[in-house]
C-alpha atoms as a PDB file:
ATOM      1  CA  MET A   1     -33.192 -64.136 102.033  1.00  0.00           C
ATOM      2  CA  MET A   2     -31.729 -63.588 105.458  1.00  0.00           C
ATOM      3  CA  ASN A   3     -32.607 -65.300 108.654  1.00  0.00           C
ATOM      4  CA  GLN A   4     -33.035 -62.464 111.069  1.00  0.00           C
ATOM      5  CA  THR A   5     -32.952 -64.389 114.353  1.00  0.00           C
ATOM      6  CA  THR A   6     -29.352 -63.342 115.072  1.00  0.00           C
ATOM      7  CA  THR A   7     -27.657 -59.942 114.877  1.00  0.00           C
ATOM      8  CA  GLN A   8     -24.274 -58.420 115.235  1.00  0.00           C
ATOM      9  CA  ASN A   9     -23.550 -55.575 117.633  1.00  0.00           C
ATOM     10  CA  ASN A  10     -24.874 -52.532 115.746  1.00  0.00           C
ATOM     11  CA  SER A  11     -24.151 -49.962 118.464  1.00  0.00           C
ATOM     12  CA  ALA A  12     -21.394 -48.275 116.409  1.00  0.00           C
ATOM     13  CA  PRO A  13     -21.881 -47.163 112.780  1.00  0.00           C
ATOM     14  CA  GLN A  14     -20.233 -49.347 110.188  1.00  0.00           C
ATOM     15  CA  SER A  15     -19.298 -48.434 106.670  1.00  0.00           C
ATOM     16  CA  GLY A  16     -20.759 -50.360 103.775  1.00  0.00           C
ATOM     17  CA  PHE A  17     -24.149 -51.954 103.228  1.00  0.00           C
ATOM     18  CA  PRO A  18     -26.109 -54.045 105.801  1.00  0.00           C
ATOM     19  CA  ALA A  19     -27.916 -57.156 104.704  1.00  0.00           C
ATOM     20  CA  ASN A  20     -31.352 -55.522 104.312  1.00  0.00           C
ATOM     21  CA  ILE A  21     -29.953 -52.965 101.813  1.00  0.00           C
ATOM     22  CA  LEU A  22     -28.565 -55.810  99.721  1.00  0.00           C
ATOM     23  CA  LYS A  23     -31.916 -57.542  99.908  1.00  0.00           C
ATOM     24  CA  ILE A  24     -33.834 -54.522  98.690  1.00  0.00           C
ATOM     25  CA  PHE A  25     -31.360 -54.015  95.823  1.00  0.00           C
ATOM     26  CA  ALA A  26     -31.667 -57.684  94.912  1.00  0.00           C
ATOM     27  CA  ALA A  27     -35.507 -57.501  94.973  1.00  0.00           C
ATOM     28  CA  LEU A  28     -35.524 -54.331  92.767  1.00  0.00           C
ATOM     29  CA  THR A  29     -33.222 -55.863  90.105  1.00  0.00           C
ATOM     30  CA  MET A  30     -35.240 -59.064  90.164  1.00  0.00           C
ATOM     31  CA  LEU A  31     -38.497 -57.043  89.741  1.00  0.00           C
ATOM     32  CA  ILE A  32     -36.927 -55.268  86.795  1.00  0.00           C
ATOM     33  CA  ASP A  33     -35.945 -58.588  85.197  1.00  0.00           C
ATOM     34  CA  HIS A  34     -39.344 -60.185  85.626  1.00  0.00           C
ATOM     35  CA  ALA A  35     -41.106 -57.043  84.461  1.00  0.00           C
ATOM     36  CA  ALA A  36     -39.224 -57.453  81.155  1.00  0.00           C
ATOM     37  CA  VAL A  37     -40.315 -61.063  80.801  1.00  0.00           C
ATOM     38  CA  THR A  38     -43.995 -60.276  81.548  1.00  0.00           C
ATOM     39  CA  LEU A  39     -44.898 -56.638  80.811  1.00  0.00           C
ATOM     40  CA  VAL A  40     -42.401 -55.736  78.001  1.00  0.00           C
ATOM     41  CA  TYR A  41     -42.851 -59.155  76.470  1.00  0.00           C
ATOM     42  CA  ALA A  42     -46.626 -58.683  76.499  1.00  0.00           C
ATOM     43  CA  LYS A  43     -46.141 -55.663  74.199  1.00  0.00           C
ATOM     44  CA  MET A  44     -43.642 -57.528  71.997  1.00  0.00           C
ATOM     45  CA  ALA A  45     -46.045 -60.423  71.622  1.00  0.00           C
ATOM     46  CA  ALA A  46     -48.123 -58.177  69.321  1.00  0.00           C
ATOM     47  CA  TYR A  47     -45.477 -59.006  66.764  1.00  0.00           C
ATOM     48  CA  PRO A  48     -45.297 -62.833  66.978  1.00  0.00           C
ATOM     49  CA  GLU A  49     -43.323 -63.305  63.774  1.00  0.00           C
ATOM     50  CA  TYR A  50     -40.606 -60.973  64.993  1.00  0.00           C
ATOM     51  CA  VAL A  51     -40.620 -62.452  68.546  1.00  0.00           C
ATOM     52  CA  LYS A  52     -39.916 -65.833  66.918  1.00  0.00           C
ATOM     53  CA  LEU A  53     -37.140 -64.319  64.764  1.00  0.00           C
ATOM     54  CA  VAL A  54     -35.354 -62.413  67.470  1.00  0.00           C
ATOM     55  CA  PHE A  55     -35.441 -65.223  70.035  1.00  0.00           C
ATOM     56  CA  SER A  56     -34.673 -68.032  67.669  1.00  0.00           C
ATOM     57  CA  GLY A  57     -30.996 -67.911  68.538  1.00  0.00           C
ATOM     58  CA  GLU A  58     -30.019 -67.351  64.933  1.00  0.00           C
ATOM     59  CA  THR A  59     -27.733 -64.595  63.856  1.00  0.00           C
ATOM     60  CA  LEU A  60     -29.707 -61.797  62.297  1.00  0.00           C
ATOM     61  CA  THR A  61     -28.543 -60.336  59.016  1.00  0.00           C
ATOM     62  CA  GLU A  62     -28.787 -56.627  58.262  1.00  0.00           C
ATOM     63  CA  GLU A  63     -31.635 -57.353  55.850  1.00  0.00           C
ATOM     64  CA  MET A  64     -33.560 -59.240  58.636  1.00  0.00           C
ATOM     65  CA  ILE A  65     -33.032 -56.356  61.072  1.00  0.00           C
ATOM     66  CA  ALA A  66     -34.145 -53.803  58.499  1.00  0.00           C
ATOM     67  CA  SER A  67     -37.438 -55.638  58.134  1.00  0.00           C
ATOM     68  CA  ILE A  68     -38.263 -55.454  61.829  1.00  0.00           C
ATOM     69  CA  PRO A  69     -40.582 -52.571  62.849  1.00  0.00           C
ATOM     70  CA  ALA A  70     -38.977 -49.683  64.768  1.00  0.00           C
ATOM     71  CA  GLU A  71     -41.440 -50.104  67.623  1.00  0.00           C
ATOM     72  CA  PHE A  72     -40.500 -53.731  68.106  1.00  0.00           C
ATOM     73  CA  LEU A  73     -36.776 -52.899  67.982  1.00  0.00           C
ATOM     74  CA  SER A  74     -37.343 -50.247  70.596  1.00  0.00           C
ATOM     75  CA  LEU A  75     -39.224 -52.765  72.861  1.00  0.00           C
ATOM     76  CA  ASN A  76     -36.475 -55.288  72.314  1.00  0.00           C
ATOM     77  CA  SER A  77     -33.804 -52.753  73.384  1.00  0.00           C
ATOM     78  CA  ILE A  78     -35.725 -51.975  76.570  1.00  0.00           C
ATOM     79  CA  TYR A  79     -36.212 -55.703  77.211  1.00  0.00           C
ATOM     80  CA  SER A  80     -32.479 -56.366  76.756  1.00  0.00           C
ATOM     81  CA  VAL A  81     -31.393 -53.563  79.196  1.00  0.00           C
ATOM     82  CA  MET A  82     -33.867 -54.699  81.789  1.00  0.00           C
ATOM     83  CA  ARG A  83     -32.797 -58.266  81.517  1.00  0.00           C
ATOM     84  CA  LEU A  84     -29.147 -57.263  81.915  1.00  0.00           C
ATOM     85  CA  LEU A  85     -29.979 -55.450  85.143  1.00  0.00           C
ATOM     86  CA  GLY A  86     -31.866 -58.503  86.262  1.00  0.00           C
ATOM     87  CA  ARG A  87     -28.731 -60.613  86.149  1.00  0.00           C
ATOM     88  CA  ILE A  88     -27.604 -58.781  89.315  1.00  0.00           C
ATOM     89  CA  ALA A  89     -30.355 -60.320  91.396  1.00  0.00           C
ATOM     90  CA  PHE A  90     -29.416 -63.970  91.729  1.00  0.00           C
ATOM     91  CA  PRO A  91     -25.813 -63.583  92.985  1.00  0.00           C
ATOM     92  CA  LEU A  92     -27.135 -61.212  95.650  1.00  0.00           C
ATOM     93  CA  PHE A  93     -29.872 -63.595  96.750  1.00  0.00           C
ATOM     94  CA  ALA A  94     -27.485 -66.542  96.826  1.00  0.00           C
ATOM     95  CA  PHE A  95     -25.061 -64.493  98.931  1.00  0.00           C
ATOM     96  CA  LEU A  96     -27.790 -63.516 101.345  1.00  0.00           C
ATOM     97  CA  LEU A  97     -28.965 -67.091 101.555  1.00  0.00           C
ATOM     98  CA  PHE A  98     -25.397 -68.121 102.485  1.00  0.00           C
ATOM     99  CA  GLU A  99     -25.244 -65.372 105.108  1.00  0.00           C
ATOM    100  CA  GLY A 100     -28.498 -66.550 106.534  1.00  0.00           C
ATOM    101  CA  PHE A 101     -27.180 -70.083 106.671  1.00  0.00           C
ATOM    102  CA  MET A 102     -24.021 -69.011 108.471  1.00  0.00           C
ATOM    103  CA  HIS A 103     -26.071 -67.079 111.143  1.00  0.00           C
ATOM    104  CA  THR A 104     -29.278 -69.046 111.595  1.00  0.00           C
ATOM    105  CA  SER A 105     -29.855 -70.816 114.912  1.00  0.00           C
ATOM    106  CA  ASN A 106     -32.319 -73.273 113.384  1.00  0.00           C
ATOM    107  CA  TYR A 107     -31.294 -74.923 110.059  1.00  0.00           C
ATOM    108  CA  LYS A 108     -34.458 -77.048 109.715  1.00  0.00           C
ATOM    109  CA  ARG A 109     -36.746 -74.058 110.072  1.00  0.00           C
ATOM    110  CA  TYR A 110     -34.639 -72.130 107.589  1.00  0.00           C
ATOM    111  CA  LEU A 111     -34.890 -75.036 105.070  1.00  0.00           C
ATOM    112  CA  LEU A 112     -38.566 -75.224 105.637  1.00  0.00           C
ATOM    113  CA  ARG A 113     -39.173 -71.559 104.880  1.00  0.00           C
ATOM    114  CA  VAL A 114     -37.054 -71.722 101.647  1.00  0.00           C
ATOM    115  CA  GLY A 115     -38.790 -74.899 100.649  1.00  0.00           C
ATOM    116  CA  ILE A 116     -42.318 -73.549 101.114  1.00  0.00           C
ATOM    117  CA  CYS A 117     -41.315 -70.415  99.192  1.00  0.00           C
ATOM    118  CA  ALA A 118     -40.175 -72.557  96.279  1.00  0.00           C
ATOM    119  CA  LEU A 119     -43.421 -74.433  96.227  1.00  0.00           C
ATOM    120  CA  LEU A 120     -45.605 -71.379  96.480  1.00  0.00           C
ATOM    121  CA  ALA A 121     -43.756 -69.689  93.639  1.00  0.00           C
ATOM    122  CA  GLU A 122     -43.848 -72.540  91.248  1.00  0.00           C
ATOM    123  CA  ILE A 123     -47.375 -71.920  89.918  1.00  0.00           C
ATOM    124  CA  PRO A 124     -46.811 -68.128  89.124  1.00  0.00           C
ATOM    125  CA  PHE A 125     -43.352 -69.023  87.790  1.00  0.00           C
ATOM    126  CA  ASN A 126     -44.803 -71.618  85.453  1.00  0.00           C
ATOM    127  CA  LEU A 127     -47.440 -69.170  84.209  1.00  0.00           C
ATOM    128  CA  VAL A 128     -44.742 -66.539  83.516  1.00  0.00           C
ATOM    129  CA  VAL A 129     -42.373 -68.869  81.714  1.00  0.00           C
ATOM    130  CA  THR A 130     -44.964 -70.678  79.605  1.00  0.00           C
ATOM    131  CA  LYS A 131     -46.645 -67.380  78.567  1.00  0.00           C
ATOM    132  CA  ALA A 132     -43.326 -66.060  77.443  1.00  0.00           C
ATOM    133  CA  ALA A 133     -42.103 -69.414  75.999  1.00  0.00           C
ATOM    134  CA  PRO A 134     -40.128 -67.952  73.036  1.00  0.00           C
ATOM    135  CA  ILE A 135     -37.859 -66.109  75.402  1.00  0.00           C
ATOM    136  CA  TYR A 136     -36.824 -69.372  77.004  1.00  0.00           C
ATOM    137  CA  GLY A 137     -36.392 -71.131  73.625  1.00  0.00           C
ATOM    138  CA  LEU A 138     -39.569 -73.234  74.067  1.00  0.00           C
ATOM    139  CA  SER A 139     -41.722 -74.228  71.248  1.00  0.00           C
ATOM    140  CA  GLY A 140     -45.215 -75.722  71.238  1.00  0.00           C
ATOM    141  CA  VAL A 141     -45.825 -74.709  74.831  1.00  0.00           C
ATOM    142  CA  GLU A 142     -49.099 -73.227  76.022  1.00  0.00           C
ATOM    143  CA  THR A 143     -49.609 -71.132  79.134  1.00  0.00           C
ATOM    144  CA  SER A 144     -49.930 -73.578  82.049  1.00  0.00           C
ATOM    145  CA  ILE A 145     -49.690 -73.703  85.873  1.00  0.00           C
ATOM    146  CA  PHE A 146     -47.838 -77.001  85.456  1.00  0.00           C
ATOM    147  CA  TYR A 147     -44.473 -77.156  83.725  1.00  0.00           C
ATOM    148  CA  PRO A 148     -42.047 -79.711  85.144  1.00  0.00           C
ATOM    149  CA  GLN A 149     -39.391 -79.019  82.556  1.00  0.00           C
ATOM    150  CA  TYR A 150     -38.220 -75.798  84.379  1.00  0.00           C
ATOM    151  CA  GLN A 151     -38.213 -75.033  88.136  1.00  0.00           C
ATOM    152  CA  ASN A 152     -37.941 -71.634  89.738  1.00  0.00           C
ATOM    153  CA  THR A 153     -34.847 -70.093  91.231  1.00  0.00           C
ATOM    154  CA  VAL A 154     -35.753 -70.861  94.828  1.00  0.00           C
ATOM    155  CA  PHE A 155     -35.498 -74.571  94.181  1.00  0.00           C
ATOM    156  CA  THR A 156     -31.854 -73.963  93.223  1.00  0.00           C
ATOM    157  CA  LEU A 157     -31.387 -72.059  96.496  1.00  0.00           C
ATOM    158  CA  PHE A 158     -33.106 -74.903  98.446  1.00  0.00           C
ATOM    159  CA  LEU A 159     -30.770 -77.496  96.896  1.00  0.00           C
ATOM    160  CA  GLY A 160     -27.800 -75.164  97.687  1.00  0.00           C
ATOM    161  CA  LEU A 161     -28.958 -74.907 101.276  1.00  0.00           C
ATOM    162  CA  LEU A 162     -29.221 -78.670 101.687  1.00  0.00           C
ATOM    163  CA  MET A 163     -25.650 -78.865 100.242  1.00  0.00           C
ATOM    164  CA  LEU A 164     -24.359 -76.269 102.684  1.00  0.00           C
ATOM    165  CA  TYR A 165     -25.979 -78.129 105.613  1.00  0.00           C
ATOM    166  CA  ALA A 166     -24.414 -81.362 104.487  1.00  0.00           C
ATOM    167  CA  MET A 167     -20.958 -79.774 104.012  1.00  0.00           C
ATOM    168  CA  ARG A 168     -21.089 -78.325 107.483  1.00  0.00           C
ATOM    169  CA  LYS A 169     -22.053 -81.736 108.971  1.00  0.00           C
ATOM    170  CA  LEU A 170     -18.924 -83.162 107.344  1.00  0.00           C
ATOM    171  CA  GLU A 171     -16.619 -80.674 109.124  1.00  0.00           C
ATOM    172  CA  ALA A 172     -13.787 -82.690 110.784  1.00  0.00           C
ATOM    173  CA  THR A 173     -13.480 -82.381 114.513  1.00  0.00           C
ATOM    174  CA  ASP A 174      -9.798 -83.195 114.368  1.00  0.00           C
ATOM    175  CA  ILE A 175      -7.160 -81.844 112.006  1.00  0.00           C
ATOM    176  CA  THR A 176      -5.361 -84.997 110.987  1.00  0.00           C
ATOM    177  CA  PRO A 177      -4.443 -85.423 107.277  1.00  0.00           C
ATOM    178  CA  LYS A 178      -6.799 -88.471 107.064  1.00  0.00           C
ATOM    179  CA  ALA A 179      -9.734 -86.512 108.521  1.00  0.00           C
ATOM    180  CA  SER A 180      -9.088 -83.515 106.298  1.00  0.00           C
ATOM    181  CA  MET A 181      -8.994 -85.766 103.216  1.00  0.00           C
ATOM    182  CA  LYS A 182     -12.143 -87.495 104.212  1.00  0.00           C
ATOM    183  CA  GLN A 183     -13.836 -84.114 104.781  1.00  0.00           C
ATOM    184  CA  TRP A 184     -12.632 -82.728 101.470  1.00  0.00           C
ATOM    185  CA  ILE A 185     -13.845 -85.754  99.505  1.00  0.00           C
ATOM    186  CA  GLY A 186     -17.209 -85.788 101.312  1.00  0.00           C
ATOM    187  CA  GLN A 187     -17.747 -82.084 100.577  1.00  0.00           C
ATOM    188  CA  MET A 188     -16.835 -82.562  96.915  1.00  0.00           C
ATOM    189  CA  VAL A 189     -19.403 -85.364  96.674  1.00  0.00           C
ATOM    190  CA  CYS A 190     -22.032 -83.064  98.267  1.00  0.00           C
ATOM    191  CA  ILE A 191     -21.323 -80.305  95.645  1.00  0.00           C
ATOM    192  CA  LEU A 192     -21.435 -82.893  92.783  1.00  0.00           C
ATOM    193  CA  VAL A 193     -24.716 -84.403  93.959  1.00  0.00           C
ATOM    194  CA  ALA A 194     -26.306 -81.007  94.352  1.00  0.00           C
ATOM    195  CA  CYS A 195     -25.099 -79.940  90.831  1.00  0.00           C
ATOM    196  CA  VAL A 196     -26.478 -83.145  89.290  1.00  0.00           C
ATOM    197  CA  LEU A 197     -29.840 -82.747  91.006  1.00  0.00           C
ATOM    198  CA  SER A 198     -30.083 -79.098  89.880  1.00  0.00           C
ATOM    199  CA  VAL A 199     -29.522 -80.261  86.256  1.00  0.00           C
ATOM    200  CA  LEU A 200     -31.931 -83.181  86.497  1.00  0.00           C
ATOM    201  CA  LEU A 201     -34.689 -81.036  88.127  1.00  0.00           C
ATOM    202  CA  ARG A 202     -33.935 -78.298  85.565  1.00  0.00           C
ATOM    203  CA  THR A 203     -33.859 -75.548  88.128  1.00  0.00           C
ATOM    204  CA  ASP A 204     -33.186 -71.895  87.199  1.00  0.00           C
ATOM    205  CA  TYR A 205     -29.412 -71.152  87.272  1.00  0.00           C
ATOM    206  CA  SER A 206     -28.884 -74.831  87.709  1.00  0.00           C
ATOM    207  CA  TYR A 207     -25.318 -75.951  88.740  1.00  0.00           C
ATOM    208  CA  ILE A 208     -24.069 -72.373  88.400  1.00  0.00           C
ATOM    209  CA  GLY A 209     -26.038 -71.297  91.461  1.00  0.00           C
ATOM    210  CA  ILE A 210     -24.918 -74.443  93.300  1.00  0.00           C
ATOM    211  CA  LEU A 211     -21.231 -73.832  92.552  1.00  0.00           C
ATOM    212  CA  PHE A 212     -21.464 -70.208  93.640  1.00  0.00           C
ATOM    213  CA  LEU A 213     -22.856 -71.294  97.023  1.00  0.00           C
ATOM    214  CA  ALA A 214     -20.174 -73.849  97.366  1.00  0.00           C
ATOM    215  CA  VAL A 215     -17.522 -71.247  96.623  1.00  0.00           C
ATOM    216  CA  LEU A 216     -19.034 -68.963  99.277  1.00  0.00           C
ATOM    217  CA  TYR A 217     -18.792 -71.753 101.849  1.00  0.00           C
ATOM    218  CA  LEU A 218     -15.312 -73.041 100.956  1.00  0.00           C
ATOM    219  CA  PHE A 219     -13.800 -69.511 101.049  1.00  0.00           C
ATOM    220  CA  ARG A 220     -16.044 -68.261 103.923  1.00  0.00           C
ATOM    221  CA  THR A 221     -13.057 -66.799 105.752  1.00  0.00           C
ATOM    222  CA  ASN A 222     -11.795 -64.885 102.729  1.00  0.00           C
ATOM    223  CA  LYS A 223     -14.146 -62.530 101.055  1.00  0.00           C
ATOM    224  CA  LYS A 224     -11.688 -61.645  98.349  1.00  0.00           C
ATOM    225  CA  TRP A 225     -11.507 -65.239  97.095  1.00  0.00           C
ATOM    226  CA  GLN A 226     -15.269 -65.573  97.364  1.00  0.00           C
ATOM    227  CA  ILE A 227     -15.607 -62.602  95.002  1.00  0.00           C
ATOM    228  CA  ILE A 228     -12.778 -63.710  92.651  1.00  0.00           C
ATOM    229  CA  PHE A 229     -14.161 -67.310  92.221  1.00  0.00           C
ATOM    230  CA  GLY A 230     -17.713 -66.038  92.195  1.00  0.00           C
ATOM    231  CA  CYS A 231     -16.905 -63.763  89.324  1.00  0.00           C
ATOM    232  CA  LEU A 232     -15.280 -66.606  87.405  1.00  0.00           C
ATOM    233  CA  ILE A 233     -18.375 -68.756  87.795  1.00  0.00           C
ATOM    234  CA  PHE A 234     -20.823 -66.058  86.562  1.00  0.00           C
ATOM    235  CA  LEU A 235     -18.588 -65.199  83.595  1.00  0.00           C
ATOM    236  CA  SER A 236     -19.939 -68.322  82.011  1.00  0.00           C
ATOM    237  CA  THR A 237     -23.533 -67.054  82.122  1.00  0.00           C
ATOM    238  CA  ASN A 238     -23.694 -63.318  81.799  1.00  0.00           C
ATOM    239  CA  ILE A 239     -21.104 -60.686  82.426  1.00  0.00           C
ATOM    240  CA  ALA A 240     -23.788 -58.337  83.836  1.00  0.00           C
ATOM    241  CA  ALA A 241     -23.983 -60.637  86.918  1.00  0.00           C
ATOM    242  CA  LEU A 242     -20.557 -59.428  87.878  1.00  0.00           C
ATOM    243  CA  PHE A 243     -22.027 -56.067  88.972  1.00  0.00           C
ATOM    244  CA  ALA A 244     -23.609 -57.908  91.856  1.00  0.00           C
ATOM    245  CA  PHE A 245     -20.223 -58.290  93.405  1.00  0.00           C
ATOM    246  CA  ILE A 246     -19.921 -54.532  93.994  1.00  0.00           C
ATOM    247  CA  PRO A 247     -22.593 -54.441  96.719  1.00  0.00           C
ATOM    248  CA  ILE A 248     -21.336 -57.840  97.901  1.00  0.00           C
ATOM    249  CA  ALA A 249     -17.886 -56.351  98.362  1.00  0.00           C
ATOM    250  CA  MET A 250     -19.416 -53.436 100.201  1.00  0.00           C
ATOM    251  CA  TYR A 251     -21.458 -55.676 102.565  1.00  0.00           C
ATOM    252  CA  ASN A 252     -20.394 -54.878 106.152  1.00  0.00           C
ATOM    253  CA  GLY A 253     -21.609 -58.113 107.716  1.00  0.00           C
ATOM    254  CA  THR A 254     -24.328 -56.382 109.700  1.00  0.00           C
ATOM    255  CA  LEU A 255     -27.507 -58.349 110.402  1.00  0.00           C
ATOM    256  CA  PHE A 256     -30.543 -56.476 111.835  1.00  0.00           C
ATOM    257  CA  ARG A 257     -33.519 -57.758 113.785  1.00  0.00           C
ATOM    258  CA  SER A 258     -36.395 -56.736 111.693  1.00  0.00           C
ATOM    259  CA  LYS A 259     -39.861 -58.266 111.654  1.00  0.00           C
ATOM    260  CA  LYS A 260     -40.622 -56.286 108.434  1.00  0.00           C
ATOM    261  CA  PHE A 261     -37.849 -57.935 106.484  1.00  0.00           C
ATOM    262  CA  LYS A 262     -37.781 -61.426 108.146  1.00  0.00           C
ATOM    263  CA  TYR A 263     -40.307 -62.864 105.679  1.00  0.00           C
ATOM    264  CA  PHE A 264     -39.931 -60.214 102.957  1.00  0.00           C
ATOM    265  CA  PHE A 265     -38.463 -62.373 100.201  1.00  0.00           C
ATOM    266  CA  TYR A 266     -40.621 -65.389 100.971  1.00  0.00           C
ATOM    267  CA  VAL A 267     -43.699 -63.324 100.193  1.00  0.00           C
ATOM    268  CA  PHE A 268     -42.300 -60.995  97.640  1.00  0.00           C
ATOM    269  CA  TYR A 269     -40.950 -63.656  95.255  1.00  0.00           C
ATOM    270  CA  PRO A 270     -44.169 -65.564  94.504  1.00  0.00           C
ATOM    271  CA  ALA A 271     -46.401 -62.505  94.946  1.00  0.00           C
ATOM    272  CA  HIS A 272     -44.648 -60.284  92.450  1.00  0.00           C
ATOM    273  CA  LEU A 273     -44.598 -63.064  89.811  1.00  0.00           C
ATOM    274  CA  LEU A 274     -48.336 -63.473  90.172  1.00  0.00           C
ATOM    275  CA  VAL A 275     -49.085 -59.752  90.087  1.00  0.00           C
ATOM    276  CA  LEU A 276     -46.827 -59.173  87.026  1.00  0.00           C
ATOM    277  CA  TYR A 277     -48.448 -62.113  85.237  1.00  0.00           C
ATOM    278  CA  LEU A 278     -51.961 -60.765  85.921  1.00  0.00           C
ATOM    279  CA  ILE A 279     -51.030 -57.305  84.669  1.00  0.00           C
ATOM    280  CA  SER A 280     -49.565 -58.758  81.552  1.00  0.00           C
ATOM    281  CA  LEU A 281     -52.904 -60.386  80.725  1.00  0.00           C
ATOM    282  CA  VAL A 282     -54.609 -57.011  80.332  1.00  0.00           C
ATOM    283  CA  MET A 283     -51.828 -55.328  78.317  1.00  0.00           C
END
């Protein structure tokens, strides 16, 4: 989710990945993740009793596993692998959002684009989540375009972007101990407020996504510490997310002017959710 209005000098070849490569990789892993939730789950839903059993959160005994049809077990294995690959997407998109924030020339326009994307994606996101309710541990939920109990990932990024903007506004102009302490306290309050809002609004990735963006900003001059603390944060959710830090480590800081990719994610995120949902209806 890069803002492409600025660019570095790209006259000389640079090793590593530019932002657009990271964006494509993030989109592909996200597509794989959501294809599991929609298309693979549509096949698994033919066995409702086993869907309920597998996603109940209970530990399955050998006897229970033996009773599950081989076809369902195969689908569940495919689903699990695809979901693991999908964990790579969010850290990449959050990192790209941060890079966009650091290079944008118009914060308000950037916030507006992310906010509009979050709103546009909410209806297809709700349809996907409510149709595959057992995956998310939801019971008694029917497929609906309105589901306020769970908001899409871009709302998390939007809250994170607001937090980053507030943290930057609090940057001290002088370097006295009093000013530094005031800045530190103010920025910690910004992080806390954003985390609380993400929990209250029940956004996807919740405070984990907010903390990651905060780490990226606080350690913006030291990529090694960004990666170390980022890994520690995502260890609490899914270890597969740590693979996202390989392309992040290989990011070369290059931003390209590209009309093709400027609005890529803003269109791709809601569009791919809707397309996958529609395909799942006929499976």
